Amino acid sequence: MGLSATLFGPFSLNKNLFTLKILVFNVLLPCAAVLNVGFVSNLRDGLIWRFCGAFFMMRAIMLVGHIAFAALRRRKFEDIAVNWLVTCWVSSSILAPPLMEAVLGKEFQVLGPWSDVSSFLFQLPVVLCFFEIDSVRRQGSLENEEEQGKEMSVVPFYKTRLTRENALVMGKRLIKMPLAWAILSSVILSVTTLGPRYLYPGTSYAPNCDYVEYTGFIYLFFSYLASCLEPIALLSVGIVLSKNNPLTCGVWNIVGYTLIKFILVPMLMIGCSFAFSLDNASARGAVLIATLPISPPSFALAGHYEVGLAEAVSTVLSGKLLVIPAILAWQGFMDAVGLFPVDTPQVDIVCQGVLSS
């Protein structure tokens, strides 16, 4: 739609793309953080941390791998951030709930928002810091660049030295970001159980008895905006495709990203599921969620810092094209080898409150 609207309709690459990126980065993404972490997830529940722990572990392993690769290739912090984004930030907000319902049953829809916890509490903060470091470098204010007189493009991340003044500048930028405040607010809402206990209505099969109906507009506000996140991000990707070749980052790079995303990451998730002793249903759900394509908002994040746009566009597009074959392949593989066998249970509607302890 974004591509056709730009080529034949009212959209403009220069005018509308900037507005959409600002909307995604400063409004929709923060709303998704508050919804999935602050309302849906109760961080005082040990079961959530077992499931999220597998995703924390997978993302940490991938980060170490990208750092090692960047060290060998003398890459910058922003290169680590881009590679980490386009291989690990899965599209779980929209695609995961219906996938979990189809494969495991309605009660497992919540695994989608739970998988976002490690994205918002771990991956996004680290990525923002990495992007901010090289954003300061691009302004020529880093110590090693001033002393050595080198171009930023040849200074690897491990030679970066931040002064106190640089750190203050970065801190001020991060504090001004709506996303940073959204992550902090979501943690407070979840840890105090204010969000999951009183503001989250629950689901049709497991309504929340403690939900305060008069506060329903709060949940609906964040829910409506968060549901717009991926469609509008995809619209932005379509606008970019009107002027850019999706193969700009290189065919072999796309092949490498695709193999990592659809083969290596799910394999790592299998090991992480065993490491955290997840039950069969949760483990299978974690593997399938890890197989989902890259989240389209990764393009808006890369676009905000004007780096990695080609990689983000290519991986988002290839992921959307290959997601169904990849899901079917991993589902068939796990069935064939008897890995994490599950039977879809019949769930009765039971009123569930959120206990505070």
Protein backbone atom coordinates (compact mmCIF):
# COMPACT_ATOMS: atom_id res chain seq x y z
CA MET A 1 0.00 0.00 0.00
CA GLY A 2 2.81 2.40 0.83
CA LEU A 3 4.53 1.64 -2.47
CA SER A 4 1.39 2.06 -4.58
CA ALA A 5 0.28 5.17 -2.68
CA THR A 6 3.66 6.78 -3.35
CA LEU A 7 3.82 5.83 -7.02
CA PHE A 8 0.19 6.53 -7.92
CA GLY A 9 -1.35 8.35 -4.98
CA PRO A 10 -0.94 11.24 -2.57
CA PHE A 11 2.10 10.02 -0.60
CA SER A 12 5.49 11.65 -0.98
CA LEU A 13 8.83 10.07 -0.09
CA ASN A 14 10.27 13.31 1.26
CA LYS A 15 7.21 14.64 3.12
CA ASN A 16 5.27 11.67 4.43
CA LEU A 17 8.13 9.32 5.29
CA PHE A 18 9.62 11.70 7.85
CA THR A 19 6.22 12.17 9.51
CA LEU A 20 5.53 8.45 9.67
CA LYS A 21 8.97 7.70 11.16
CA ILE A 22 8.39 10.31 13.87
CA LEU A 23 4.94 8.88 14.55
CA VAL A 24 6.26 5.32 14.89
CA PHE A 25 9.32 6.19 16.97
CA ASN A 26 7.81 8.78 19.31
CA VAL A 27 4.17 7.66 19.67
CA LEU A 28 3.30 4.14 18.51
CA LEU A 29 6.40 2.30 19.75
CA PRO A 30 6.15 3.83 23.25
CA CYS A 31 2.46 2.87 23.39
CA ALA A 32 3.35 -0.71 22.47
CA ALA A 33 5.91 -0.79 25.28
CA VAL A 34 3.36 0.39 27.86
CA LEU A 35 0.71 -2.03 26.60
CA ASN A 36 2.80 -5.21 26.36
CA VAL A 37 4.98 -4.67 29.43
CA GLY A 38 2.94 -2.39 31.67
CA PHE A 39 -0.55 -3.83 31.18
CA VAL A 40 -0.34 -7.39 29.86
CA SER A 41 2.79 -8.63 31.67
CA ASN A 42 3.03 -8.99 35.44
CA LEU A 43 6.77 -8.86 36.10
CA ARG A 44 6.22 -10.23 39.60
CA ASP A 45 5.09 -13.52 38.10
CA GLY A 46 7.91 -16.08 38.03
CA LEU A 47 6.36 -17.89 35.05
CA ILE A 48 6.78 -14.79 32.91
CA TRP A 49 10.45 -14.51 33.83
CA ARG A 50 11.11 -18.13 32.91
CA PHE A 51 9.63 -17.55 29.45
CA CYS A 52 11.22 -14.12 29.03
CA GLY A 53 14.52 -15.48 30.31
CA ALA A 54 14.81 -17.71 27.26
CA PHE A 55 14.43 -14.66 25.01
CA PHE A 56 16.88 -12.65 27.13
CA MET A 57 19.40 -15.45 26.75
CA MET A 58 18.89 -15.80 23.00
CA ARG A 59 19.27 -12.06 22.44
CA ALA A 60 22.35 -11.92 24.69
CA ILE A 61 24.03 -14.74 22.73
CA MET A 62 23.26 -13.00 19.45
CA LEU A 63 24.61 -9.71 20.81
CA VAL A 64 27.89 -11.37 21.82
CA GLY A 65 28.12 -12.91 18.36
CA HIS A 66 27.53 -9.58 16.62
CA ILE A 67 30.11 -7.87 18.87
CA ALA A 68 32.69 -10.54 18.02
CA PHE A 69 31.94 -10.17 14.30
CA ALA A 70 32.20 -6.37 14.56
CA ALA A 71 35.55 -6.67 16.32
CA LEU A 72 36.92 -8.89 13.56
CA ARG A 73 35.61 -6.57 10.83
CA ARG A 74 36.46 -3.33 12.67
CA ARG A 75 32.84 -2.17 12.66
CA LYS A 76 31.13 0.61 14.61
CA PHE A 77 28.57 0.50 17.40
CA GLU A 78 25.80 1.35 14.98
CA ASP A 79 26.73 -1.67 12.82
CA ILE A 80 26.32 -3.92 15.86
CA ALA A 81 22.95 -2.31 16.61
CA VAL A 82 21.67 -2.71 13.03
CA ASN A 83 22.77 -6.34 12.73
CA TRP A 84 21.25 -7.16 16.10
CA LEU A 85 17.97 -5.47 15.19
CA VAL A 86 17.52 -7.18 11.82
CA THR A 87 18.18 -10.65 13.25
CA CYS A 88 16.55 -10.64 16.70
CA TRP A 89 13.77 -8.06 16.96
CA VAL A 90 10.83 -10.28 16.01
CA SER A 91 7.39 -9.18 14.90
CA SER A 92 5.54 -10.59 17.90
CA SER A 93 2.95 -7.91 18.71
CA ILE A 94 0.68 -8.61 15.73
CA LEU A 95 1.64 -12.05 14.41
CA ALA A 96 2.37 -13.99 17.61
CA PRO A 97 -1.09 -13.99 19.32
CA PRO A 98 -3.01 -15.55 16.39
CA LEU A 99 -0.14 -17.96 15.74
CA MET A 100 -0.10 -19.09 19.38
CA GLU A 101 -3.89 -19.52 19.37
CA ALA A 102 -3.78 -21.61 16.19
CA VAL A 103 -0.93 -23.86 17.33
CA LEU A 104 -1.31 -24.07 21.12
CA GLY A 105 -4.71 -22.69 22.11
CA LYS A 106 -6.24 -19.42 23.21
CA GLU A 107 -4.59 -19.33 26.62
CA PHE A 108 -1.17 -19.10 24.98
CA GLN A 109 -1.90 -15.85 23.12
CA VAL A 110 -0.19 -14.02 25.98
CA LEU A 111 3.18 -15.49 24.94
CA GLY A 112 3.34 -12.84 22.22
CA PRO A 113 3.36 -9.84 24.58
CA TRP A 114 5.57 -11.75 27.02
CA SER A 115 8.20 -12.21 24.33
CA ASP A 116 8.25 -8.43 23.89
CA VAL A 117 9.43 -7.92 27.47
CA SER A 118 13.07 -8.68 26.61
CA SER A 119 12.77 -6.48 23.52
CA PHE A 120 11.70 -3.42 25.48
CA LEU A 121 13.72 -3.99 28.66
CA PHE A 122 16.95 -5.27 27.12
CA GLN A 123 17.36 -5.01 23.37
CA LEU A 124 15.90 -1.56 22.69
CA PRO A 125 17.79 0.25 25.52
CA VAL A 126 21.10 -1.26 24.37
CA VAL A 127 20.37 -0.48 20.72
CA LEU A 128 19.49 3.12 21.57
CA CYS A 129 22.76 3.53 23.49
CA PHE A 130 24.77 2.09 20.60
CA PHE A 131 23.06 4.38 18.11
CA GLU A 132 23.56 7.39 20.36
CA ILE A 133 27.29 6.70 20.73
CA ASP A 134 27.84 6.82 16.99
CA SER A 135 25.45 9.75 16.68
CA VAL A 136 27.85 11.68 18.89
CA ARG A 137 30.76 10.39 16.84
CA ARG A 138 29.21 11.70 13.66
CA GLN A 139 29.28 15.18 15.18
CA GLY A 140 33.02 14.87 15.64
CA SER A 141 32.88 15.14 19.42
CA LEU A 142 34.50 11.87 20.45
CA GLU A 143 37.93 11.98 21.99
CA ASN A 144 39.63 9.41 19.80
CA GLU A 145 38.42 11.10 16.63
CA GLU A 146 39.67 14.52 17.80
CA GLU A 147 43.04 13.22 18.92
CA GLN A 148 43.82 10.92 16.04
CA GLY A 149 42.15 12.96 13.31
CA LYS A 150 40.66 9.86 11.77
CA GLU A 151 37.46 9.63 9.81
CA MET A 152 34.61 8.14 11.80
CA SER A 153 34.11 5.40 9.23
CA VAL A 154 37.47 3.79 10.06
CA VAL A 155 37.24 3.98 13.86
CA PRO A 156 36.02 0.60 15.25
CA PHE A 157 33.78 0.45 18.29
CA TYR A 158 36.48 -0.87 20.62
CA LYS A 159 38.58 2.26 20.10
CA THR A 160 35.77 4.59 21.12
CA ARG A 161 36.39 6.63 24.26
CA LEU A 162 33.59 8.72 25.68
CA THR A 163 34.33 11.79 27.74
CA ARG A 164 32.13 12.92 30.60
CA GLU A 165 30.74 15.65 28.36
CA ASN A 166 29.87 13.10 25.66
CA ALA A 167 28.10 10.93 28.22
CA LEU A 168 26.07 13.90 29.48
CA VAL A 169 24.98 14.75 25.94
CA MET A 170 23.91 11.15 25.34
CA GLY A 171 22.09 11.02 28.67
CA LYS A 172 20.15 14.18 27.90
CA ARG A 173 19.11 12.83 24.51
CA LEU A 174 17.94 9.53 25.96
CA ILE A 175 16.00 11.24 28.75
CA LYS A 176 14.13 13.33 26.19
CA MET A 177 12.98 10.25 24.26
CA PRO A 178 9.32 9.25 24.78
CA LEU A 179 10.39 5.62 24.32
CA ALA A 180 12.70 5.79 27.34
CA TRP A 181 9.93 7.18 29.55
CA ALA A 182 7.49 4.61 28.18
CA ILE A 183 9.82 1.75 29.13
CA LEU A 184 10.31 3.18 32.63
CA SER A 185 6.57 3.73 33.09
CA SER A 186 5.76 0.23 31.87
CA VAL A 187 8.17 -1.30 34.39
CA ILE A 188 6.59 0.69 37.23
CA LEU A 189 3.06 -0.25 36.16
CA SER A 190 3.98 -3.92 35.94
CA VAL A 191 6.11 -4.26 39.08
CA THR A 192 3.50 -2.50 41.22
CA THR A 193 0.84 -4.69 39.51
CA LEU A 194 -1.18 -1.51 38.94
CA GLY A 195 -1.32 -2.19 35.21
CA PRO A 196 -1.98 -5.96 35.05
CA ARG A 197 -4.27 -5.93 38.09
CA TYR A 198 -6.49 -2.88 37.62
CA LEU A 199 -5.98 -1.59 34.04
CA TYR A 200 -5.83 -4.81 32.02
CA PRO A 201 -9.30 -6.31 31.32
CA GLY A 202 -7.91 -9.75 30.54
CA THR A 203 -9.26 -11.85 27.68
CA SER A 204 -12.56 -13.43 26.73
CA TYR A 205 -11.41 -16.82 28.05
CA ALA A 206 -9.69 -15.44 31.17
CA PRO A 207 -11.24 -12.12 32.25
CA ASN A 208 -9.54 -10.17 35.02
CA CYS A 209 -11.84 -9.91 38.03
CA ASP A 210 -9.85 -7.03 39.56
CA TYR A 211 -10.15 -4.87 36.44
CA VAL A 212 -11.61 -1.42 37.11
CA GLU A 213 -14.11 -0.84 34.30
CA TYR A 214 -14.10 2.93 34.60
CA THR A 215 -10.43 2.95 33.58
CA GLY A 216 -11.17 1.09 30.35
CA PHE A 217 -10.39 4.12 28.20
CA ILE A 218 -6.74 3.95 29.30
CA TYR A 219 -6.26 0.40 28.05
CA LEU A 220 -8.21 1.11 24.86
CA PHE A 221 -6.12 4.22 24.15
CA PHE A 222 -2.82 2.34 24.29
CA SER A 223 -4.27 -0.72 22.60
CA TYR A 224 -5.56 1.19 19.59
CA LEU A 225 -2.31 3.07 19.07
CA ALA A 226 -0.14 -0.01 19.59
CA SER A 227 -2.20 -1.95 17.04
CA CYS A 228 -1.26 0.71 14.46
CA LEU A 229 2.47 0.20 15.02
CA GLU A 230 3.29 -2.52 12.51
CA PRO A 231 0.82 -1.47 9.77
CA ILE A 232 2.15 2.10 9.72
CA ALA A 233 5.74 0.87 9.91
CA LEU A 234 5.06 -1.39 6.92
CA LEU A 235 3.53 1.58 5.14
CA SER A 236 6.80 3.45 5.69
CA VAL A 237 8.77 0.54 4.26
CA GLY A 238 6.54 0.61 1.17
CA ILE A 239 7.19 4.33 0.71
CA VAL A 240 10.95 3.72 0.79
CA LEU A 241 10.65 0.93 -1.79
CA SER A 242 9.23 3.46 -4.26
CA LYS A 243 12.71 4.97 -4.63
CA ASN A 244 15.05 2.27 -3.36
CA ASN A 245 15.98 -1.20 -4.55
CA PRO A 246 15.30 -3.79 -1.81
CA LEU A 247 18.58 -5.47 -2.81
CA THR A 248 20.64 -2.36 -2.04
CA CYS A 249 22.43 -3.93 0.92
CA GLY A 250 23.60 -6.83 -1.24
CA VAL A 251 22.12 -10.20 -2.17
CA TRP A 252 24.56 -12.19 -0.06
CA ASN A 253 23.94 -9.97 2.95
CA ILE A 254 20.21 -10.60 2.60
CA VAL A 255 20.83 -14.34 2.31
CA GLY A 256 23.00 -14.23 5.44
CA TYR A 257 20.44 -12.25 7.43
CA THR A 258 17.67 -14.62 6.28
CA LEU A 259 19.57 -17.76 7.27
CA ILE A 260 20.41 -16.29 10.67
CA LYS A 261 16.82 -15.19 11.28
CA PHE A 262 14.99 -18.31 10.18
CA ILE A 263 17.51 -21.03 11.08
CA LEU A 264 20.09 -19.90 13.64
CA VAL A 265 17.79 -17.87 15.91
CA PRO A 266 15.14 -20.64 16.26
CA MET A 267 17.93 -23.17 16.91
CA LEU A 268 19.27 -20.97 19.68
CA MET A 269 15.79 -20.67 21.11
CA ILE A 270 15.54 -24.46 21.33
CA GLY A 271 18.65 -24.51 23.49
CA CYS A 272 17.46 -21.56 25.57
CA SER A 273 14.11 -23.28 26.15
CA PHE A 274 15.93 -26.31 27.54
CA ALA A 275 18.18 -24.06 29.62
CA PHE A 276 15.15 -22.47 31.33
CA SER A 277 13.22 -25.76 31.57
CA LEU A 278 10.17 -24.43 29.74
CA ASP A 279 7.20 -26.74 29.43
CA ASN A 280 6.56 -28.21 25.99
CA ALA A 281 3.86 -25.74 25.00
CA SER A 282 5.82 -22.65 26.07
CA ALA A 283 9.00 -23.99 24.47
CA ARG A 284 7.29 -24.68 21.16
CA GLY A 285 5.69 -21.25 21.29
CA ALA A 286 9.07 -19.64 21.97
CA VAL A 287 10.64 -21.38 18.96
CA LEU A 288 7.80 -20.36 16.65
CA ILE A 289 7.85 -16.76 17.91
CA ALA A 290 11.62 -16.66 17.31
CA THR A 291 10.88 -17.74 13.72
CA LEU A 292 8.64 -14.74 13.07
CA PRO A 293 10.03 -12.03 10.75
CA ILE A 294 11.77 -8.87 11.80
CA SER A 295 9.51 -6.22 13.26
CA PRO A 296 8.80 -3.39 10.76
CA PRO A 297 9.41 -0.70 13.45
CA SER A 298 13.10 -1.62 13.17
CA PHE A 299 13.02 0.45 9.99
CA ALA A 300 11.71 3.49 11.88
CA LEU A 301 14.40 3.03 14.52
CA ALA A 302 17.13 2.83 11.90
CA GLY A 303 15.57 5.72 10.02
CA HIS A 304 15.58 7.89 13.16
CA TYR A 305 19.38 7.65 13.20
CA GLU A 306 19.69 7.45 9.39
CA VAL A 307 21.75 4.27 9.46
CA GLY A 308 20.99 0.71 8.37
CA LEU A 309 17.95 1.65 6.29
CA ALA A 310 18.85 -0.71 3.43
CA GLU A 311 19.33 -3.65 5.80
CA ALA A 312 16.06 -2.93 7.64
CA VAL A 313 13.99 -2.63 4.45
CA SER A 314 15.49 -5.79 2.91
CA THR A 315 15.06 -7.96 6.00
CA VAL A 316 11.52 -6.76 6.68
CA LEU A 317 10.52 -7.53 3.09
CA SER A 318 12.24 -10.93 2.92
CA GLY A 319 10.85 -11.86 6.33
CA LYS A 320 7.26 -11.14 5.32
CA LEU A 321 7.69 -13.24 2.17
CA LEU A 322 9.24 -16.24 3.94
CA VAL A 323 7.44 -16.28 7.29
CA ILE A 324 4.76 -18.83 6.36
CA PRO A 325 7.17 -21.40 4.84
CA ALA A 326 9.51 -20.93 7.82
CA ILE A 327 6.75 -21.44 10.41
CA LEU A 328 5.47 -24.54 8.60
CA ALA A 329 9.00 -25.93 8.28
CA TRP A 330 9.81 -25.54 11.98
CA GLN A 331 6.40 -26.83 13.03
CA GLY A 332 6.87 -29.87 10.81
CA PHE A 333 10.42 -30.43 12.03
CA MET A 334 9.41 -30.37 15.70
CA ASP A 335 6.53 -32.76 14.99
CA ALA A 336 8.77 -35.11 13.01
CA VAL A 337 11.47 -35.42 15.69
CA GLY A 338 9.06 -35.29 18.64
CA LEU A 339 10.46 -32.04 19.96
CA PHE A 340 8.19 -30.23 22.44
CA PRO A 341 5.06 -32.30 21.68
CA VAL A 342 1.81 -30.60 22.63
CA ASP A 343 -1.92 -31.23 22.53
CA THR A 344 -4.19 -28.24 22.17
CA PRO A 345 -6.24 -28.12 25.41
CA GLN A 346 -9.86 -27.15 25.79
CA VAL A 347 -10.03 -24.07 27.95
CA ASP A 348 -13.01 -23.07 30.07
CA ILE A 349 -13.72 -19.43 30.80
CA VAL A 350 -12.38 -18.78 34.29
CA CYS A 351 -12.23 -15.41 36.02
CA GLN A 352 -8.61 -14.74 36.96
CA GLY A 353 -7.42 -11.91 39.15
CA VAL A 354 -3.85 -10.76 39.49
CA LEU A 355 -2.38 -11.51 42.90
CA SER A 356 -0.11 -8.91 44.45
CA SER A 357 2.55 -10.15 46.81
